[in-house]
Amino acid sequence: MRELDELLAHYLQTFYEQTTDAEKCAFRELLELADPELIGYLLGSQIHDDPEIADVIKTIRRRAQT
């Protein structure tokens, strides 16, 4: 899905290198999810159970709006 690709690519290209090791690990775990799950987390209103992954999702959403 193009929207997911754009969100994830923007975060990766713009912010990933500046993040902590824990955030990088959480981002990599996020990338392992299936597209329907990613849609729910990044484009929908689902909240991930893992707080570190949930924080990365919030960051991706917030930074996509700037």
PDB file of N, CA and C in Angstrom:
ATOM      1  N   MET A   1       0.851  -1.178   0.000  1.00  0.00           N
ATOM      2  CA  MET A   1       0.000   0.000   0.000  1.00  0.00           C
ATOM      3  C   MET A   1       0.892   1.236   0.000  1.00  0.00           C
ATOM      4  N   ARG A   2       0.613   2.114  -0.903  1.00  0.00           N
ATOM      5  CA  ARG A   2       1.467   3.286  -1.102  1.00  0.00           C
ATOM      6  C   ARG A   2       1.553   4.186   0.135  1.00  0.00           C
ATOM      7  N   GLU A   3       0.441   4.395   0.828  1.00  0.00           N
ATOM      8  CA  GLU A   3       0.439   5.261   2.011  1.00  0.00           C
ATOM      9  C   GLU A   3       1.388   4.733   3.078  1.00  0.00           C
ATOM     10  N   LEU A   4       1.359   3.421   3.280  1.00  0.00           N
ATOM     11  CA  LEU A   4       2.266   2.812   4.259  1.00  0.00           C
ATOM     12  C   LEU A   4       3.720   3.009   3.832  1.00  0.00           C
ATOM     13  N   ASP A   5       3.991   2.750   2.568  1.00  0.00           N
ATOM     14  CA  ASP A   5       5.352   2.916   2.059  1.00  0.00           C
ATOM     15  C   ASP A   5       5.853   4.336   2.272  1.00  0.00           C
ATOM     16  N   GLU A   6       5.007   5.311   1.996  1.00  0.00           N
ATOM     17  CA  GLU A   6       5.410   6.701   2.151  1.00  0.00           C
ATOM     18  C   GLU A   6       5.672   7.055   3.615  1.00  0.00           C
ATOM     19  N   LEU A   7       4.796   6.619   4.507  1.00  0.00           N
ATOM     20  CA  LEU A   7       4.988   6.891   5.931  1.00  0.00           C
ATOM     21  C   LEU A   7       6.287   6.276   6.443  1.00  0.00           C
ATOM     22  N   LEU A   8       6.471   5.010   6.135  1.00  0.00           N
ATOM     23  CA  LEU A   8       7.645   4.298   6.642  1.00  0.00           C
ATOM     24  C   LEU A   8       8.928   4.815   5.998  1.00  0.00           C
ATOM     25  N   ALA A   9       8.898   5.102   4.713  1.00  0.00           N
ATOM     26  CA  ALA A   9      10.082   5.614   4.032  1.00  0.00           C
ATOM     27  C   ALA A   9      10.456   6.994   4.559  1.00  0.00           C
ATOM     28  N   HIS A  10       9.466   7.835   4.796  1.00  0.00           N
ATOM     29  CA  HIS A  10       9.728   9.174   5.334  1.00  0.00           C
ATOM     30  C   HIS A  10      10.410   9.082   6.699  1.00  0.00           C
ATOM     31  N   TYR A  11       9.876   8.246   7.559  1.00  0.00           N
ATOM     32  CA  TYR A  11      10.475   8.067   8.887  1.00  0.00           C
ATOM     33  C   TYR A  11      11.896   7.528   8.758  1.00  0.00           C
ATOM     34  N   LEU A  12      12.067   6.528   7.928  1.00  0.00           N
ATOM     35  CA  LEU A  12      13.375   5.899   7.755  1.00  0.00           C
ATOM     36  C   LEU A  12      14.403   6.894   7.216  1.00  0.00           C
ATOM     37  N   GLN A  13      14.043   7.632   6.210  1.00  0.00           N
ATOM     38  CA  GLN A  13      14.982   8.555   5.572  1.00  0.00           C
ATOM     39  C   GLN A  13      15.255   9.796   6.396  1.00  0.00           C
ATOM     40  N   THR A  14      14.285  10.235   7.175  1.00  0.00           N
ATOM     41  CA  THR A  14      14.401  11.513   7.865  1.00  0.00           C
ATOM     42  C   THR A  14      14.781  11.391   9.336  1.00  0.00           C
ATOM     43  N   PHE A  15      14.302  10.356  10.022  1.00  0.00           N
ATOM     44  CA  PHE A  15      14.442  10.321  11.474  1.00  0.00           C
ATOM     45  C   PHE A  15      15.168   9.101  12.036  1.00  0.00           C
ATOM     46  N   TYR A  16      15.207   8.018  11.302  1.00  0.00           N
ATOM     47  CA  TYR A  16      15.701   6.747  11.832  1.00  0.00           C
ATOM     48  C   TYR A  16      17.105   6.864  12.427  1.00  0.00           C
ATOM     49  N   GLU A  17      18.019   7.479  11.730  1.00  0.00           N
ATOM     50  CA  GLU A  17      19.413   7.564  12.191  1.00  0.00           C
ATOM     51  C   GLU A  17      19.548   8.335  13.502  1.00  0.00           C
ATOM     52  N   GLN A  18      18.603   9.207  13.797  1.00  0.00           N
ATOM     53  CA  GLN A  18      18.652  10.029  15.006  1.00  0.00           C
ATOM     54  C   GLN A  18      18.031   9.344  16.223  1.00  0.00           C
ATOM     55  N   THR A  19      17.397   8.212  16.024  1.00  0.00           N
ATOM     56  CA  THR A  19      16.674   7.567  17.115  1.00  0.00           C
ATOM     57  C   THR A  19      17.604   6.715  17.979  1.00  0.00           C
ATOM     58  N   THR A  20      17.092   6.311  19.118  1.00  0.00           N
ATOM     59  CA  THR A  20      17.852   5.462  20.023  1.00  0.00           C
ATOM     60  C   THR A  20      17.877   4.032  19.492  1.00  0.00           C
ATOM     61  N   ASP A  21      18.738   3.215  20.057  1.00  0.00           N
ATOM     62  CA  ASP A  21      18.799   1.804  19.657  1.00  0.00           C
ATOM     63  C   ASP A  21      17.472   1.099  19.930  1.00  0.00           C
ATOM     64  N   ALA A  22      16.819   1.436  21.036  1.00  0.00           N
ATOM     65  CA  ALA A  22      15.526   0.819  21.365  1.00  0.00           C
ATOM     66  C   ALA A  22      14.472   1.191  20.332  1.00  0.00           C
ATOM     67  N   GLU A  23      14.474   2.448  19.888  1.00  0.00           N
ATOM     68  CA  GLU A  23      13.518   2.882  18.873  1.00  0.00           C
ATOM     69  C   GLU A  23      13.803   2.205  17.532  1.00  0.00           C
ATOM     70  N   LYS A  24      15.076   2.052  17.214  1.00  0.00           N
ATOM     71  CA  LYS A  24      15.437   1.360  15.967  1.00  0.00           C
ATOM     72  C   LYS A  24      14.951  -0.081  15.999  1.00  0.00           C
ATOM     73  N   CYS A  25      15.129  -0.730  17.124  1.00  0.00           N
ATOM     74  CA  CYS A  25      14.675  -2.115  17.275  1.00  0.00           C
ATOM     75  C   CYS A  25      13.152  -2.188  17.146  1.00  0.00           C
ATOM     76  N   ALA A  26      12.442  -1.266  17.780  1.00  0.00           N
ATOM     77  CA  ALA A  26      10.982  -1.244  17.710  1.00  0.00           C
ATOM     78  C   ALA A  26      10.524  -0.989  16.273  1.00  0.00           C
ATOM     79  N   PHE A  27      11.216  -0.113  15.548  1.00  0.00           N
ATOM     80  CA  PHE A  27      10.871   0.151  14.153  1.00  0.00           C
ATOM     81  C   PHE A  27      11.058  -1.100  13.304  1.00  0.00           C
ATOM     82  N   ARG A  28      12.159  -1.807  13.521  1.00  0.00           N
ATOM     83  CA  ARG A  28      12.397  -3.041  12.769  1.00  0.00           C
ATOM     84  C   ARG A  28      11.317  -4.078  13.072  1.00  0.00           C
ATOM     85  N   GLU A  29      10.897  -4.163  14.325  1.00  0.00           N
ATOM     86  CA  GLU A  29       9.817  -5.086  14.684  1.00  0.00           C
ATOM     87  C   GLU A  29       8.509  -4.670  14.015  1.00  0.00           C
ATOM     88  N   LEU A  30       8.275  -3.385  13.939  1.00  0.00           N
ATOM     89  CA  LEU A  30       7.085  -2.874  13.275  1.00  0.00           C
ATOM     90  C   LEU A  30       7.065  -3.288  11.811  1.00  0.00           C
ATOM     91  N   LEU A  31       8.219  -3.236  11.169  1.00  0.00           N
ATOM     92  CA  LEU A  31       8.304  -3.595   9.754  1.00  0.00           C
ATOM     93  C   LEU A  31       7.996  -5.070   9.494  1.00  0.00           C
ATOM     94  N   GLU A  32       8.080  -5.897  10.501  1.00  0.00           N
ATOM     95  CA  GLU A  32       7.800  -7.317  10.351  1.00  0.00           C
ATOM     96  C   GLU A  32       6.302  -7.639  10.342  1.00  0.00           C
ATOM     97  N   LEU A  33       5.481  -6.659  10.686  1.00  0.00           N
ATOM     98  CA  LEU A  33       4.037  -6.876  10.727  1.00  0.00           C
ATOM     99  C   LEU A  33       3.461  -6.934   9.315  1.00  0.00           C
ATOM    100  N   ALA A  34       2.367  -7.642   9.182  1.00  0.00           N
ATOM    101  CA  ALA A  34       1.662  -7.723   7.902  1.00  0.00           C
ATOM    102  C   ALA A  34       0.987  -6.384   7.597  1.00  0.00           C
ATOM    103  N   ASP A  35       0.782  -6.118   6.316  1.00  0.00           N
ATOM    104  CA  ASP A  35       0.170  -4.856   5.899  1.00  0.00           C
ATOM    105  C   ASP A  35      -1.154  -4.544   6.599  1.00  0.00           C
ATOM    106  N   PRO A  36      -2.066  -5.508   6.750  1.00  0.00           N
ATOM    107  CA  PRO A  36      -3.321  -5.177   7.440  1.00  0.00           C
ATOM    108  C   PRO A  36      -3.092  -4.670   8.873  1.00  0.00           C
ATOM    109  N   GLU A  37      -2.105  -5.249   9.556  1.00  0.00           N
ATOM    110  CA  GLU A  37      -1.793  -4.771  10.906  1.00  0.00           C
ATOM    111  C   GLU A  37      -1.201  -3.365  10.858  1.00  0.00           C
ATOM    112  N   LEU A  38      -0.286  -3.136   9.930  1.00  0.00           N
ATOM    113  CA  LEU A  38       0.317  -1.809   9.786  1.00  0.00           C
ATOM    114  C   LEU A  38      -0.740  -0.756   9.477  1.00  0.00           C
ATOM    115  N   ILE A  39      -1.681  -1.110   8.632  1.00  0.00           N
ATOM    116  CA  ILE A  39      -2.768  -0.178   8.310  1.00  0.00           C
ATOM    117  C   ILE A  39      -3.532   0.194   9.572  1.00  0.00           C
ATOM    118  N   GLY A  40      -3.847  -0.793  10.381  1.00  0.00           N
ATOM    119  CA  GLY A  40      -4.569  -0.537  11.623  1.00  0.00           C
ATOM    120  C   GLY A  40      -3.797   0.358  12.576  1.00  0.00           C
ATOM    121  N   TYR A  41      -2.504   0.155  12.665  1.00  0.00           N
ATOM    122  CA  TYR A  41      -1.680   0.940  13.586  1.00  0.00           C
ATOM    123  C   TYR A  41      -1.325   2.321  13.047  1.00  0.00           C
ATOM    124  N   LEU A  42      -0.946   2.403  11.786  1.00  0.00           N
ATOM    125  CA  LEU A  42      -0.449   3.667  11.238  1.00  0.00           C
ATOM    126  C   LEU A  42      -1.543   4.543  10.633  1.00  0.00           C
ATOM    127  N   LEU A  43      -2.564   3.913  10.057  1.00  0.00           N
ATOM    128  CA  LEU A  43      -3.611   4.693   9.405  1.00  0.00           C
ATOM    129  C   LEU A  43      -4.934   4.625  10.162  1.00  0.00           C
ATOM    130  N   GLY A  44      -5.049   3.678  11.058  1.00  0.00           N
ATOM    131  CA  GLY A  44      -6.271   3.510  11.831  1.00  0.00           C
ATOM    132  C   GLY A  44      -6.085   4.001  13.251  1.00  0.00           C
ATOM    133  N   SER A  45      -6.835   3.415  14.137  1.00  0.00           N
ATOM    134  CA  SER A  45      -6.794   3.862  15.529  1.00  0.00           C
ATOM    135  C   SER A  45      -6.342   2.765  16.487  1.00  0.00           C
ATOM    136  N   GLN A  46      -5.799   1.670  15.943  1.00  0.00           N
ATOM    137  CA  GLN A  46      -5.334   0.593  16.811  1.00  0.00           C
ATOM    138  C   GLN A  46      -4.071   1.026  17.553  1.00  0.00           C
ATOM    139  N   ILE A  47      -3.920   0.505  18.764  1.00  0.00           N
ATOM    140  CA  ILE A  47      -2.745   0.794  19.584  1.00  0.00           C
ATOM    141  C   ILE A  47      -2.019  -0.516  19.831  1.00  0.00           C
ATOM    142  N   HIS A  48      -0.733  -0.533  19.548  1.00  0.00           N
ATOM    143  CA  HIS A  48       0.076  -1.749  19.714  1.00  0.00           C
ATOM    144  C   HIS A  48       0.268  -2.026  21.200  1.00  0.00           C
ATOM    145  N   ASP A  49       0.318  -3.306  21.568  1.00  0.00           N
ATOM    146  CA  ASP A  49       0.484  -3.711  22.968  1.00  0.00           C
ATOM    147  C   ASP A  49       1.868  -3.375  23.520  1.00  0.00           C
ATOM    148  N   ASP A  50       2.881  -3.418  22.673  1.00  0.00           N
ATOM    149  CA  ASP A  50       4.242  -3.132  23.105  1.00  0.00           C
ATOM    150  C   ASP A  50       4.426  -1.614  23.166  1.00  0.00           C
ATOM    151  N   PRO A  51       4.742  -1.071  24.357  1.00  0.00           N
ATOM    152  CA  PRO A  51       4.838   0.384  24.484  1.00  0.00           C
ATOM    153  C   PRO A  51       5.919   1.023  23.605  1.00  0.00           C
ATOM    154  N   GLU A  52       7.024   0.339  23.372  1.00  0.00           N
ATOM    155  CA  GLU A  52       8.077   0.912  22.536  1.00  0.00           C
ATOM    156  C   GLU A  52       7.631   0.995  21.081  1.00  0.00           C
ATOM    157  N   ILE A  53       6.959  -0.043  20.605  1.00  0.00           N
ATOM    158  CA  ILE A  53       6.438  -0.019  19.240  1.00  0.00           C
ATOM    159  C   ILE A  53       5.324   1.022  19.140  1.00  0.00           C
ATOM    160  N   ALA A  54       4.481   1.104  20.149  1.00  0.00           N
ATOM    161  CA  ALA A  54       3.409   2.111  20.158  1.00  0.00           C
ATOM    162  C   ALA A  54       3.994   3.520  20.088  1.00  0.00           C
ATOM    163  N   ASP A  55       5.100   3.761  20.775  1.00  0.00           N
ATOM    164  CA  ASP A  55       5.748   5.072  20.728  1.00  0.00           C
ATOM    165  C   ASP A  55       6.295   5.380  19.338  1.00  0.00           C
ATOM    166  N   VAL A  56       6.878   4.383  18.685  1.00  0.00           N
ATOM    167  CA  VAL A  56       7.377   4.588  17.316  1.00  0.00           C
ATOM    168  C   VAL A  56       6.209   4.902  16.386  1.00  0.00           C
ATOM    169  N   ILE A  57       5.110   4.203  16.552  1.00  0.00           N
ATOM    170  CA  ILE A  57       3.923   4.461  15.732  1.00  0.00           C
ATOM    171  C   ILE A  57       3.445   5.893  15.934  1.00  0.00           C
ATOM    172  N   LYS A  58       3.388   6.341  17.176  1.00  0.00           N
ATOM    173  CA  LYS A  58       2.980   7.720  17.466  1.00  0.00           C
ATOM    174  C   LYS A  58       3.924   8.710  16.803  1.00  0.00           C
ATOM    175  N   THR A  59       5.213   8.420  16.865  1.00  0.00           N
ATOM    176  CA  THR A  59       6.205   9.298  16.256  1.00  0.00           C
ATOM    177  C   THR A  59       6.020   9.357  14.747  1.00  0.00           C
ATOM    178  N   ILE A  60       5.823   8.222  14.125  1.00  0.00           N
ATOM    179  CA  ILE A  60       5.610   8.186  12.674  1.00  0.00           C
ATOM    180  C   ILE A  60       4.386   8.997  12.298  1.00  0.00           C
ATOM    181  N   ARG A  61       3.297   8.814  13.023  1.00  0.00           N
ATOM    182  CA  ARG A  61       2.072   9.566  12.751  1.00  0.00           C
ATOM    183  C   ARG A  61       2.291  11.059  12.919  1.00  0.00           C
ATOM    184  N   ARG A  62       2.915  11.436  14.033  1.00  0.00           N
ATOM    185  CA  ARG A  62       3.126  12.851  14.350  1.00  0.00           C
ATOM    186  C   ARG A  62       4.034  13.522  13.324  1.00  0.00           C
ATOM    187  N   ARG A  63       5.113  12.854  12.968  1.00  0.00           N
ATOM    188  CA  ARG A  63       6.081  13.453  12.037  1.00  0.00           C
ATOM    189  C   ARG A  63       5.580  13.447  10.608  1.00  0.00           C
ATOM    190  N   ALA A  64       4.640  12.608  10.302  1.00  0.00           N
ATOM    191  CA  ALA A  64       4.053  12.600   8.960  1.00  0.00           C
ATOM    192  C   ALA A  64       3.174  13.827   8.752  1.00  0.00           C
ATOM    193  N   GLN A  65       2.708  14.392   9.843  1.00  0.00           N
ATOM    194  CA  GLN A  65       1.817  15.553   9.763  1.00  0.00           C
ATOM    195  C   GLN A  65       2.588  16.863   9.671  1.00  0.00           C
ATOM    196  N   THR A  66       3.904  16.821   9.853  1.00  0.00           N
ATOM    197  CA  THR A  66       4.695  18.065   9.817  1.00  0.00           C
ATOM    198  C   THR A  66       5.264  18.304   8.462  1.00  0.00           C
TER     199      THR A  66
END
